[in-house]
Amino acid sequence: MFDHAHQTLRRIVFCAVALFSVSSLAAQQPPANTDVGGHCRFNLQNQWAGPFKACIDPSTAAQCEETGKRDQNSGATFATGACPASGRVGTCAKPDSSVHYYDGEASSIEVGCGFQGGTWKAGS
């Protein structure tokens, strides 16, 4: 009987040590990057195009801040999740990101998308 109680106590101690070790390790991990998978809404304007209401995804907060400073862009705001789908004129999909346009002439933006090496999809 003493042997059974001793084994049970040993299991409880082992589980407690294991649980403490896992929670201690988890506490040492850096926080998750909440910027990954977000989007950046901004007013796109440069010497060739715009102004257009646009959104790029995926984006991080730092990338969004940089986008807002590029060319004559303005009003850049970062948020989690994907760019809104409603009201899109079209999307210029590139290998690493997509730029969604919410106003402007679709045929003109499509030409610009081609110059950027992207694939245009109207209304998406």
N, C-alpha and C. Protein backbone atom coordinates (compact mmCIF):
# COMPACT_ATOMS: atom_id res chain seq x y z
N MET A 1 0.81 -1.17 0.00
CA MET A 1 0.00 0.00 0.00
C MET A 1 0.87 1.26 0.00
N PHE A 2 1.92 1.24 0.79
CA PHE A 2 2.84 2.37 0.84
C PHE A 2 3.48 2.58 -0.54
N ASP A 3 3.80 1.48 -1.24
CA ASP A 3 4.42 1.57 -2.56
C ASP A 3 3.47 2.24 -3.55
N HIS A 4 2.16 1.92 -3.49
CA HIS A 4 1.18 2.53 -4.39
C HIS A 4 1.05 4.03 -4.11
N ALA A 5 1.00 4.43 -2.86
CA ALA A 5 0.91 5.84 -2.49
C ALA A 5 2.17 6.59 -2.91
N HIS A 6 3.31 5.94 -2.78
CA HIS A 6 4.58 6.55 -3.16
C HIS A 6 4.61 6.78 -4.68
N GLN A 7 4.15 5.82 -5.47
CA GLN A 7 4.11 5.97 -6.94
C GLN A 7 3.14 7.08 -7.34
N THR A 8 2.00 7.16 -6.69
CA THR A 8 1.01 8.19 -7.00
C THR A 8 1.59 9.58 -6.68
N LEU A 9 2.23 9.70 -5.54
CA LEU A 9 2.86 10.97 -5.16
C LEU A 9 3.95 11.35 -6.15
N ARG A 10 4.72 10.37 -6.59
CA ARG A 10 5.79 10.61 -7.55
C ARG A 10 5.20 11.13 -8.88
N ARG A 11 4.08 10.55 -9.33
CA ARG A 11 3.42 10.99 -10.57
C ARG A 11 2.92 12.43 -10.43
N ILE A 12 2.34 12.75 -9.28
CA ILE A 12 1.82 14.11 -9.05
C ILE A 12 2.96 15.12 -9.10
N VAL A 13 4.06 14.80 -8.43
CA VAL A 13 5.22 15.69 -8.43
C VAL A 13 5.78 15.84 -9.85
N PHE A 14 5.88 14.73 -10.58
CA PHE A 14 6.40 14.78 -11.95
C PHE A 14 5.51 15.67 -12.82
N CYS A 15 4.18 15.50 -12.72
CA CYS A 15 3.25 16.32 -13.52
C CYS A 15 3.37 17.79 -13.15
N ALA A 16 3.50 18.09 -11.87
CA ALA A 16 3.62 19.48 -11.43
C ALA A 16 4.91 20.11 -11.96
N VAL A 17 6.01 19.38 -11.91
CA VAL A 17 7.29 19.88 -12.43
C VAL A 17 7.19 20.10 -13.94
N ALA A 18 6.58 19.14 -14.65
CA ALA A 18 6.43 19.26 -16.10
C ALA A 18 5.56 20.47 -16.45
N LEU A 19 4.46 20.65 -15.74
CA LEU A 19 3.57 21.78 -15.99
C LEU A 19 4.28 23.10 -15.72
N PHE A 20 5.03 23.18 -14.63
CA PHE A 20 5.77 24.39 -14.31
C PHE A 20 6.81 24.69 -15.39
N SER A 21 7.49 23.66 -15.87
CA SER A 21 8.52 23.85 -16.91
C SER A 21 7.91 24.37 -18.19
N VAL A 22 6.76 23.82 -18.60
CA VAL A 22 6.10 24.26 -19.84
C VAL A 22 5.61 25.69 -19.70
N SER A 23 4.98 26.03 -18.56
CA SER A 23 4.47 27.40 -18.39
C SER A 23 5.62 28.39 -18.30
N SER A 24 6.73 28.01 -17.70
CA SER A 24 7.90 28.88 -17.60
C SER A 24 8.49 29.12 -18.99
N LEU A 25 8.56 28.09 -19.81
CA LEU A 25 9.08 28.21 -21.17
C LEU A 25 8.17 29.10 -22.00
N ALA A 26 6.87 28.92 -21.86
CA ALA A 26 5.93 29.75 -22.61
C ALA A 26 6.05 31.21 -22.22
N ALA A 27 6.31 31.49 -20.98
CA ALA A 27 6.45 32.87 -20.52
C ALA A 27 7.69 33.54 -21.10
N GLN A 28 8.69 32.75 -21.49
CA GLN A 28 9.92 33.30 -22.04
C GLN A 28 9.81 33.56 -23.54
N GLN A 29 8.79 33.04 -24.21
CA GLN A 29 8.65 33.22 -25.65
C GLN A 29 8.27 34.66 -25.96
N PRO A 30 8.79 35.22 -27.07
CA PRO A 30 8.40 36.58 -27.43
C PRO A 30 6.93 36.60 -27.83
N PRO A 31 6.27 37.73 -27.69
CA PRO A 31 4.87 37.81 -28.08
C PRO A 31 4.71 37.59 -29.58
N ALA A 32 3.58 37.07 -29.97
CA ALA A 32 3.30 36.83 -31.38
C ALA A 32 3.27 38.16 -32.12
N ASN A 33 3.71 38.15 -33.39
CA ASN A 33 3.69 39.35 -34.20
C ASN A 33 2.26 39.57 -34.70
N THR A 34 1.57 40.51 -34.12
CA THR A 34 0.18 40.74 -34.47
C THR A 34 0.03 41.47 -35.81
N ASP A 35 1.13 41.97 -36.37
CA ASP A 35 1.06 42.68 -37.64
C ASP A 35 0.92 41.75 -38.84
N VAL A 36 1.37 40.51 -38.71
CA VAL A 36 1.36 39.60 -39.84
C VAL A 36 -0.08 39.35 -40.27
N GLY A 37 -0.31 39.42 -41.58
CA GLY A 37 -1.63 39.15 -42.10
C GLY A 37 -2.56 40.34 -42.09
N GLY A 38 -2.05 41.52 -41.77
CA GLY A 38 -2.88 42.71 -41.76
C GLY A 38 -2.95 43.36 -43.13
N HIS A 39 -3.56 44.53 -43.16
CA HIS A 39 -3.67 45.28 -44.41
C HIS A 39 -3.42 46.76 -44.15
N CYS A 40 -3.15 47.47 -45.23
CA CYS A 40 -2.85 48.90 -45.16
C CYS A 40 -3.73 49.64 -46.16
N ARG A 41 -4.63 50.48 -45.64
CA ARG A 41 -5.47 51.33 -46.50
C ARG A 41 -4.79 52.69 -46.62
N PHE A 42 -4.77 53.23 -47.84
CA PHE A 42 -4.09 54.51 -48.06
C PHE A 42 -4.58 55.16 -49.34
N ASN A 43 -4.22 56.42 -49.52
CA ASN A 43 -4.48 57.13 -50.76
C ASN A 43 -3.21 57.04 -51.59
N LEU A 44 -3.28 56.33 -52.70
CA LEU A 44 -2.13 56.11 -53.56
C LEU A 44 -2.02 57.24 -54.57
N GLN A 45 -0.85 57.85 -54.63
CA GLN A 45 -0.61 58.88 -55.63
C GLN A 45 0.88 58.97 -55.90
N ASN A 46 1.21 59.04 -57.19
CA ASN A 46 2.59 59.28 -57.60
C ASN A 46 2.56 60.12 -58.87
N GLN A 47 3.69 60.31 -59.50
CA GLN A 47 3.73 61.19 -60.67
C GLN A 47 2.99 60.63 -61.87
N TRP A 48 2.68 59.33 -61.88
CA TRP A 48 1.99 58.72 -63.01
C TRP A 48 0.53 58.39 -62.73
N ALA A 49 0.14 58.27 -61.48
CA ALA A 49 -1.21 57.79 -61.18
C ALA A 49 -1.76 58.37 -59.90
N GLY A 50 -3.07 58.38 -59.86
CA GLY A 50 -3.77 58.73 -58.63
C GLY A 50 -4.27 60.15 -58.63
N PRO A 51 -4.89 60.50 -57.56
CA PRO A 51 -5.01 59.70 -56.34
C PRO A 51 -6.09 58.63 -56.47
N PHE A 52 -5.81 57.48 -55.87
CA PHE A 52 -6.74 56.37 -55.80
C PHE A 52 -6.84 55.92 -54.35
N LYS A 53 -8.03 55.52 -53.94
CA LYS A 53 -8.17 54.85 -52.65
C LYS A 53 -7.71 53.43 -52.89
N ALA A 54 -6.76 52.97 -52.08
CA ALA A 54 -6.17 51.66 -52.29
C ALA A 54 -5.94 50.95 -50.96
N CYS A 55 -5.67 49.67 -51.05
CA CYS A 55 -5.38 48.86 -49.88
C CYS A 55 -4.42 47.76 -50.32
N ILE A 56 -3.41 47.51 -49.51
CA ILE A 56 -2.43 46.47 -49.83
C ILE A 56 -2.44 45.41 -48.72
N ASP A 57 -2.40 44.15 -49.16
CA ASP A 57 -2.27 43.05 -48.19
C ASP A 57 -1.44 41.94 -48.78
N PRO A 58 -0.73 41.18 -47.96
CA PRO A 58 -0.57 41.42 -46.53
C PRO A 58 0.39 42.58 -46.27
N SER A 59 0.27 43.11 -45.07
CA SER A 59 1.12 44.23 -44.66
C SER A 59 1.33 44.16 -43.15
N THR A 60 2.41 44.75 -42.72
CA THR A 60 2.65 44.94 -41.28
C THR A 60 2.45 46.42 -40.99
N ALA A 61 2.38 46.77 -39.74
CA ALA A 61 2.24 48.18 -39.36
C ALA A 61 3.43 48.99 -39.86
N ALA A 62 4.63 48.43 -39.77
CA ALA A 62 5.83 49.14 -40.23
C ALA A 62 5.80 49.33 -41.75
N GLN A 63 5.38 48.30 -42.48
CA GLN A 63 5.28 48.43 -43.94
C GLN A 63 4.23 49.46 -44.31
N CYS A 64 3.13 49.49 -43.57
CA CYS A 64 2.06 50.45 -43.84
C CYS A 64 2.56 51.88 -43.62
N GLU A 65 3.29 52.07 -42.55
CA GLU A 65 3.84 53.40 -42.28
C GLU A 65 4.75 53.85 -43.43
N GLU A 66 5.57 52.93 -43.92
CA GLU A 66 6.47 53.23 -45.04
C GLU A 66 5.67 53.52 -46.31
N THR A 67 4.62 52.76 -46.58
CA THR A 67 3.77 52.98 -47.75
C THR A 67 3.17 54.37 -47.72
N GLY A 68 2.74 54.81 -46.55
CA GLY A 68 2.15 56.15 -46.40
C GLY A 68 3.12 57.27 -46.68
N LYS A 69 4.42 57.00 -46.59
CA LYS A 69 5.44 58.02 -46.82
C LYS A 69 5.99 58.00 -48.25
N ARG A 70 5.69 56.94 -49.00
CA ARG A 70 6.23 56.77 -50.35
C ARG A 70 5.52 57.69 -51.34
N ASP A 71 6.26 58.26 -52.27
CA ASP A 71 5.74 59.17 -53.30
C ASP A 71 4.88 60.24 -52.64
N GLN A 72 3.66 60.42 -53.14
CA GLN A 72 2.74 61.40 -52.55
C GLN A 72 1.58 60.70 -51.86
N ASN A 73 1.80 59.45 -51.44
CA ASN A 73 0.76 58.70 -50.74
C ASN A 73 0.41 59.41 -49.44
N SER A 74 -0.80 59.13 -48.95
CA SER A 74 -1.23 59.74 -47.69
C SER A 74 -2.28 58.88 -47.01
N GLY A 75 -2.56 59.20 -45.76
CA GLY A 75 -3.65 58.58 -45.02
C GLY A 75 -3.51 57.10 -44.76
N ALA A 76 -2.29 56.59 -44.64
CA ALA A 76 -2.09 55.16 -44.44
C ALA A 76 -2.53 54.73 -43.04
N THR A 77 -3.37 53.69 -42.99
CA THR A 77 -3.81 53.13 -41.72
C THR A 77 -3.73 51.62 -41.78
N PHE A 78 -3.16 51.03 -40.74
CA PHE A 78 -3.00 49.58 -40.64
C PHE A 78 -4.14 48.97 -39.84
N ALA A 79 -4.56 47.78 -40.24
CA ALA A 79 -5.55 47.01 -39.48
C ALA A 79 -5.29 45.53 -39.74
N THR A 80 -5.75 44.69 -38.83
CA THR A 80 -5.58 43.25 -39.00
C THR A 80 -6.56 42.73 -40.04
N GLY A 81 -6.27 41.53 -40.55
CA GLY A 81 -7.14 40.90 -41.53
C GLY A 81 -6.84 41.38 -42.94
N ALA A 82 -7.69 40.94 -43.86
CA ALA A 82 -7.53 41.26 -45.29
C ALA A 82 -8.20 42.58 -45.63
N CYS A 83 -7.85 43.13 -46.78
CA CYS A 83 -8.49 44.35 -47.28
C CYS A 83 -9.97 44.08 -47.51
N PRO A 84 -10.81 45.10 -47.31
CA PRO A 84 -12.24 44.94 -47.55
C PRO A 84 -12.53 44.56 -49.01
N ALA A 85 -13.53 43.72 -49.21
CA ALA A 85 -13.88 43.26 -50.56
C ALA A 85 -14.87 44.19 -51.24
N SER A 86 -15.73 44.84 -50.47
CA SER A 86 -16.78 45.64 -51.09
C SER A 86 -16.23 46.90 -51.74
N GLY A 87 -16.76 47.22 -52.90
CA GLY A 87 -16.41 48.45 -53.59
C GLY A 87 -15.13 48.41 -54.40
N ARG A 88 -14.52 47.26 -54.57
CA ARG A 88 -13.26 47.19 -55.32
C ARG A 88 -13.49 47.40 -56.82
N VAL A 89 -12.63 48.23 -57.41
CA VAL A 89 -12.58 48.38 -58.86
C VAL A 89 -11.83 47.19 -59.44
N GLY A 90 -10.80 46.76 -58.72
CA GLY A 90 -9.99 45.62 -59.15
C GLY A 90 -8.79 45.42 -58.26
N THR A 91 -8.06 44.36 -58.55
CA THR A 91 -6.89 43.98 -57.75
C THR A 91 -5.70 43.71 -58.65
N CYS A 92 -4.55 44.23 -58.26
CA CYS A 92 -3.29 43.93 -58.93
C CYS A 92 -2.53 42.96 -58.02
N ALA A 93 -2.50 41.69 -58.43
CA ALA A 93 -1.85 40.66 -57.62
C ALA A 93 -0.41 40.50 -58.05
N LYS A 94 0.48 40.59 -57.07
CA LYS A 94 1.91 40.39 -57.29
C LYS A 94 2.33 39.16 -56.48
N PRO A 95 3.52 38.64 -56.70
CA PRO A 95 3.93 37.43 -55.97
C PRO A 95 3.89 37.56 -54.45
N ASP A 96 4.20 38.76 -53.91
CA ASP A 96 4.29 38.91 -52.47
C ASP A 96 3.16 39.71 -51.83
N SER A 97 2.30 40.34 -52.64
CA SER A 97 1.21 41.14 -52.09
C SER A 97 0.17 41.43 -53.18
N SER A 98 -0.94 41.99 -52.75
CA SER A 98 -1.99 42.43 -53.68
C SER A 98 -2.36 43.86 -53.34
N VAL A 99 -2.54 44.67 -54.39
CA VAL A 99 -3.01 46.04 -54.21
C VAL A 99 -4.43 46.09 -54.74
N HIS A 100 -5.35 46.48 -53.88
CA HIS A 100 -6.77 46.56 -54.22
C HIS A 100 -7.11 48.03 -54.43
N TYR A 101 -7.81 48.34 -55.52
CA TYR A 101 -8.19 49.71 -55.85
C TYR A 101 -9.68 49.88 -55.64
N TYR A 102 -10.07 51.02 -55.05
CA TYR A 102 -11.47 51.28 -54.73
C TYR A 102 -12.06 52.44 -55.54
N ASP A 103 -11.26 53.07 -56.38
CA ASP A 103 -11.77 54.04 -57.33
C ASP A 103 -10.77 54.18 -58.46
N GLY A 104 -11.15 54.90 -59.51
CA GLY A 104 -10.29 55.04 -60.68
C GLY A 104 -10.82 54.23 -61.85
N GLU A 105 -10.24 54.44 -62.99
CA GLU A 105 -10.62 53.76 -64.24
C GLU A 105 -9.92 52.41 -64.30
N ALA A 106 -10.70 51.34 -64.30
CA ALA A 106 -10.15 49.98 -64.26
C ALA A 106 -9.15 49.72 -65.38
N SER A 107 -9.46 50.15 -66.61
CA SER A 107 -8.56 49.87 -67.74
C SER A 107 -7.22 50.58 -67.58
N SER A 108 -7.22 51.78 -67.04
CA SER A 108 -5.97 52.50 -66.81
C SER A 108 -5.15 51.85 -65.70
N ILE A 109 -5.84 51.46 -64.63
CA ILE A 109 -5.13 50.82 -63.52
C ILE A 109 -4.57 49.47 -63.97
N GLU A 110 -5.29 48.77 -64.84
CA GLU A 110 -4.82 47.48 -65.35
C GLU A 110 -3.49 47.64 -66.09
N VAL A 111 -3.36 48.70 -66.88
CA VAL A 111 -2.11 48.96 -67.60
C VAL A 111 -0.98 49.19 -66.59
N GLY A 112 -1.23 50.00 -65.58
CA GLY A 112 -0.24 50.25 -64.54
C GLY A 112 0.15 48.99 -63.80
N CYS A 113 -0.82 48.11 -63.58
CA CYS A 113 -0.55 46.83 -62.91
C CYS A 113 0.44 46.00 -63.74
N GLY A 114 0.23 46.00 -65.04
CA GLY A 114 1.14 45.27 -65.93
C GLY A 114 2.56 45.80 -65.85
N PHE A 115 2.70 47.12 -65.79
CA PHE A 115 4.04 47.72 -65.65
C PHE A 115 4.71 47.35 -64.33
N GLN A 116 3.91 47.05 -63.32
CA GLN A 116 4.45 46.66 -62.01
C GLN A 116 4.73 45.16 -61.93
N GLY A 117 4.45 44.42 -63.01
CA GLY A 117 4.67 42.98 -63.01
C GLY A 117 3.57 42.21 -62.31
N GLY A 118 2.40 42.82 -62.19
CA GLY A 118 1.28 42.17 -61.52
C GLY A 118 0.27 41.60 -62.49
N THR A 119 -0.70 40.88 -61.95
CA THR A 119 -1.81 40.32 -62.73
C THR A 119 -3.08 41.02 -62.29
N TRP A 120 -3.80 41.60 -63.24
CA TRP A 120 -5.00 42.37 -62.95
C TRP A 120 -6.24 41.48 -62.93
N LYS A 121 -7.10 41.73 -61.95
CA LYS A 121 -8.39 41.07 -61.91
C LYS A 121 -9.43 42.12 -61.55
N ALA A 122 -10.29 42.44 -62.52
CA ALA A 122 -11.30 43.48 -62.32
C ALA A 122 -12.32 43.08 -61.27
N GLY A 123 -12.70 44.05 -60.46
CA GLY A 123 -13.77 43.87 -59.49
C GLY A 123 -13.50 42.90 -58.36
N SER A 124 -12.29 42.43 -58.20
CA SER A 124 -12.08 41.42 -57.17
C SER A 124 -11.44 41.96 -55.94
